Amino acid sequence: MKIKAKFIMILAALLPLSLFFLPLWNITLEAPQYPDDLGMDIWINKIADHEPNDIQNINLMNHYVGMKNIPEHMAEFDIFPIVVGAMSVLGLVIAFLNKRKLYLAWFILFAILGAIGMYDFYLWEYDYGHDLNEHAAIKFLDAEGNPLDYQPPLIGNATILNFVAKSWPMSGAYLLFTGMFFSVVAFVVGKKEETST
């Protein structure tokens, strides 16, 4: 029996729903003075401790250099679940319409929304690392006498003072990317099915 593009697209539409149960991203701080790394997991609707009290410890550390606390709530936490849910519903509708070109359109729309989400994440990191309290207890300056910034990387590793900041996708993001990839597979399979009939 042939693998049907329709069923691949159904799977593509369902996989992003894993973001409601699995974390999307992780930022970890490693330093010699902390035997255990400090980390936070970013979900589509919250930021949570990677290990108990991690965020509290990060906030205490950041306070001395004038950084803001990790927010308990952001507007994005209200928007992202709606976007993900709507895209999954749209993907299921497209799957049952079984129109090959719409599979590709769904992928492109999701890629655009994902790029907007990553840009928003970058802007949050930029503000978090640059908008420092001028009355901070500790100030680190560069060679020109300007305050250092503490922006974590969008993706990858970066050295910030004596910390190594690591920013990487987690299981929810990988399943989201897999779902998007499957929509392209559905498009290709659909094209083969059309030419074989």
Protein backbone atom coordinates (compact mmCIF):
# COMPACT_ATOMS: atom_id res chain seq x y z
CA MET A 1 0.00 0.00 0.00
CA LYS A 2 1.27 3.48 -0.87
CA ILE A 3 2.12 5.98 1.83
CA LYS A 4 -0.51 8.64 1.43
CA ALA A 5 0.48 12.30 1.52
CA LYS A 6 -2.72 13.03 3.42
CA PHE A 7 -1.67 10.91 6.42
CA ILE A 8 1.85 12.36 6.43
CA MET A 9 0.30 15.83 6.54
CA ILE A 10 -1.93 14.81 9.45
CA LEU A 11 1.18 13.75 11.36
CA ALA A 12 2.89 17.04 10.37
CA ALA A 13 -0.06 19.00 11.78
CA LEU A 14 -0.17 17.02 15.04
CA LEU A 15 3.53 17.14 15.95
CA PRO A 16 3.58 20.90 16.83
CA LEU A 17 1.03 20.14 19.56
CA SER A 18 3.91 18.51 21.47
CA LEU A 19 4.88 22.07 22.46
CA PHE A 20 2.00 22.00 24.94
CA PHE A 21 3.73 19.12 26.77
CA LEU A 22 7.45 19.56 26.09
CA PRO A 23 9.88 22.50 26.46
CA LEU A 24 10.87 24.50 23.41
CA TRP A 25 14.26 25.95 24.35
CA ASN A 26 16.88 25.93 27.09
CA ILE A 27 19.42 28.49 28.27
CA THR A 28 22.12 27.21 30.63
CA LEU A 29 24.85 29.07 32.49
CA GLU A 30 28.05 27.26 33.44
CA ALA A 31 30.67 28.75 35.77
CA PRO A 32 33.44 27.43 38.05
CA GLN A 33 31.75 28.82 41.15
CA TYR A 34 28.59 26.80 40.43
CA PRO A 35 29.23 23.05 40.60
CA ASP A 36 25.77 22.52 39.09
CA ASP A 37 24.80 24.47 36.00
CA LEU A 38 21.99 27.04 36.23
CA GLY A 39 19.34 26.78 33.57
CA MET A 40 15.90 27.78 32.45
CA ASP A 41 13.55 25.96 30.11
CA ILE A 42 11.41 28.05 27.80
CA TRP A 43 7.96 26.67 26.98
CA ILE A 44 5.37 28.25 24.72
CA ASN A 45 3.55 29.59 27.78
CA LYS A 46 6.16 29.98 30.55
CA ILE A 47 9.80 30.04 31.62
CA ALA A 48 10.60 27.35 34.19
CA ASP A 49 13.54 26.17 36.29
CA HIS A 50 15.66 23.50 34.63
CA GLU A 51 16.49 22.35 38.15
CA PRO A 52 14.78 23.59 41.35
CA ASN A 53 15.59 27.23 42.24
CA ASP A 54 17.63 27.87 39.08
CA ILE A 55 15.70 31.00 38.11
CA GLN A 56 15.88 32.38 41.65
CA ASN A 57 19.66 31.91 41.62
CA ILE A 58 19.97 33.48 38.16
CA ASN A 59 17.93 36.48 39.30
CA LEU A 60 20.09 36.93 42.41
CA MET A 61 23.25 36.81 40.33
CA ASN A 62 21.89 39.15 37.66
CA HIS A 63 20.76 41.69 40.26
CA TYR A 64 24.35 42.60 41.09
CA VAL A 65 25.19 43.55 37.50
CA GLY A 66 21.91 45.40 36.96
CA MET A 67 20.00 42.90 34.84
CA LYS A 68 16.23 42.48 35.07
CA ASN A 69 14.61 39.47 36.67
CA ILE A 70 13.51 36.61 34.43
CA PRO A 71 9.86 37.49 33.71
CA GLU A 72 7.12 35.31 35.17
CA HIS A 73 4.79 36.32 32.36
CA MET A 74 5.20 37.78 28.87
CA ALA A 75 2.61 38.69 26.22
CA GLU A 76 4.14 35.99 24.00
CA PHE A 77 2.98 33.34 26.47
CA ASP A 78 -0.61 34.28 25.60
CA ILE A 79 0.03 34.47 21.85
CA PHE A 80 2.24 31.44 21.13
CA PRO A 81 -0.24 28.76 22.29
CA ILE A 82 -2.94 30.29 20.08
CA VAL A 83 -0.60 30.40 17.07
CA VAL A 84 0.56 26.80 17.54
CA GLY A 85 -2.98 25.53 18.09
CA ALA A 86 -4.31 27.43 15.08
CA MET A 87 -1.50 26.16 12.84
CA SER A 88 -2.20 22.56 13.88
CA VAL A 89 -5.92 22.96 13.15
CA LEU A 90 -5.12 24.60 9.81
CA GLY A 91 -2.73 21.74 9.00
CA LEU A 92 -5.44 19.18 9.72
CA VAL A 93 -7.94 21.05 7.53
CA ILE A 94 -5.35 21.17 4.72
CA ALA A 95 -4.65 17.44 5.17
CA PHE A 96 -8.32 16.57 4.74
CA LEU A 97 -8.62 18.91 1.73
CA ASN A 98 -5.70 16.83 0.39
CA LYS A 99 -4.35 19.57 -1.88
CA ARG A 100 -0.62 19.16 -2.37
CA LYS A 101 0.22 22.84 -2.89
CA LEU A 102 -1.43 23.73 0.41
CA TYR A 103 1.02 21.42 2.21
CA LEU A 104 3.86 23.60 0.99
CA ALA A 105 1.92 26.78 1.80
CA TRP A 106 1.47 25.52 5.40
CA PHE A 107 5.21 24.89 5.68
CA ILE A 108 6.04 28.37 4.36
CA LEU A 109 3.55 30.05 6.72
CA PHE A 110 4.91 28.11 9.70
CA ALA A 111 8.49 28.96 8.70
CA ILE A 112 7.58 32.67 8.56
CA LEU A 113 5.87 32.53 11.95
CA GLY A 114 8.85 30.62 13.37
CA ALA A 115 11.26 33.26 12.04
CA ILE A 116 9.13 35.99 13.66
CA GLY A 117 9.19 34.03 16.93
CA MET A 118 12.99 33.67 16.80
CA TYR A 119 13.39 37.38 16.07
CA ASP A 120 11.15 38.18 19.03
CA PHE A 121 13.30 35.88 21.18
CA TYR A 122 16.43 37.71 19.97
CA LEU A 123 14.89 41.09 20.85
CA TRP A 124 14.03 39.82 24.35
CA GLU A 125 17.59 38.54 24.82
CA TYR A 126 19.00 41.84 23.54
CA ASP A 127 16.91 43.89 25.96
CA TYR A 128 17.68 41.46 28.78
CA GLY A 129 21.43 41.72 28.21
CA HIS A 130 21.73 45.45 27.39
CA ASP A 131 19.09 47.32 29.43
CA LEU A 132 21.03 47.43 32.71
CA ASN A 133 20.30 49.32 35.89
CA GLU A 134 22.78 52.20 36.06
CA HIS A 135 22.85 51.89 39.85
CA ALA A 136 23.96 48.25 39.81
CA ALA A 137 26.34 47.19 42.57
CA ILE A 138 28.88 45.79 40.10
CA LYS A 139 29.78 47.32 36.75
CA PHE A 140 32.06 45.69 34.20
CA LEU A 141 33.51 47.92 31.49
CA ASP A 142 35.21 47.17 28.19
CA ALA A 143 38.55 48.66 27.08
CA GLU A 144 36.81 51.88 25.98
CA GLY A 145 35.04 52.29 29.32
CA ASN A 146 31.60 51.25 28.05
CA PRO A 147 29.42 48.89 30.11
CA LEU A 148 29.64 45.27 29.03
CA ASP A 149 26.48 43.58 27.79
CA TYR A 150 25.29 40.19 28.99
CA GLN A 151 23.18 39.04 26.05
CA PRO A 152 22.93 35.24 25.82
CA PRO A 153 23.34 33.72 22.34
CA LEU A 154 20.27 33.14 20.18
CA ILE A 155 21.59 29.65 19.49
CA GLY A 156 24.93 28.11 20.45
CA ASN A 157 27.47 28.92 23.16
CA ALA A 158 28.97 32.26 24.23
CA THR A 159 31.33 33.37 26.99
CA ILE A 160 29.95 36.11 29.26
CA LEU A 161 32.51 37.13 31.89
CA ASN A 162 33.41 33.83 33.57
CA PHE A 163 30.18 32.13 32.46
CA VAL A 164 29.54 30.00 29.41
CA ALA A 165 25.98 30.66 28.24
CA LYS A 166 24.43 27.89 26.18
CA SER A 167 21.23 28.33 24.20
CA TRP A 168 19.82 25.28 22.42
CA PRO A 169 16.48 23.88 21.27
CA MET A 170 14.81 21.16 23.33
CA SER A 171 12.53 18.23 22.50
CA GLY A 172 9.46 20.34 21.70
CA ALA A 173 11.39 22.35 19.12
CA TYR A 174 12.77 19.20 17.47
CA LEU A 175 9.27 17.74 17.15
CA LEU A 176 8.02 21.06 15.74
CA PHE A 177 10.82 21.04 13.13
CA THR A 178 10.02 17.40 12.34
CA GLY A 179 6.37 18.30 11.76
CA MET A 180 7.36 21.10 9.42
CA PHE A 181 9.70 18.73 7.55
CA PHE A 182 6.90 16.18 7.22
CA SER A 183 4.73 18.77 5.46
CA VAL A 184 7.43 19.02 2.77
CA VAL A 185 7.55 15.20 2.60
CA ALA A 186 3.77 15.20 2.17
CA PHE A 187 4.14 17.68 -0.69
CA VAL A 188 6.73 15.46 -2.44
CA VAL A 189 4.73 12.25 -1.87
CA GLY A 190 1.59 14.00 -3.10
CA LYS A 191 3.37 14.97 -6.29
CA LYS A 192 4.46 11.36 -6.87
CA GLU A 193 0.91 10.15 -6.22
CA GLU A 194 -0.44 12.61 -8.79
CA THR A 195 2.03 11.49 -11.48
CA SER A 196 1.36 7.80 -10.81
CA THR A 197 -2.41 8.09 -11.35
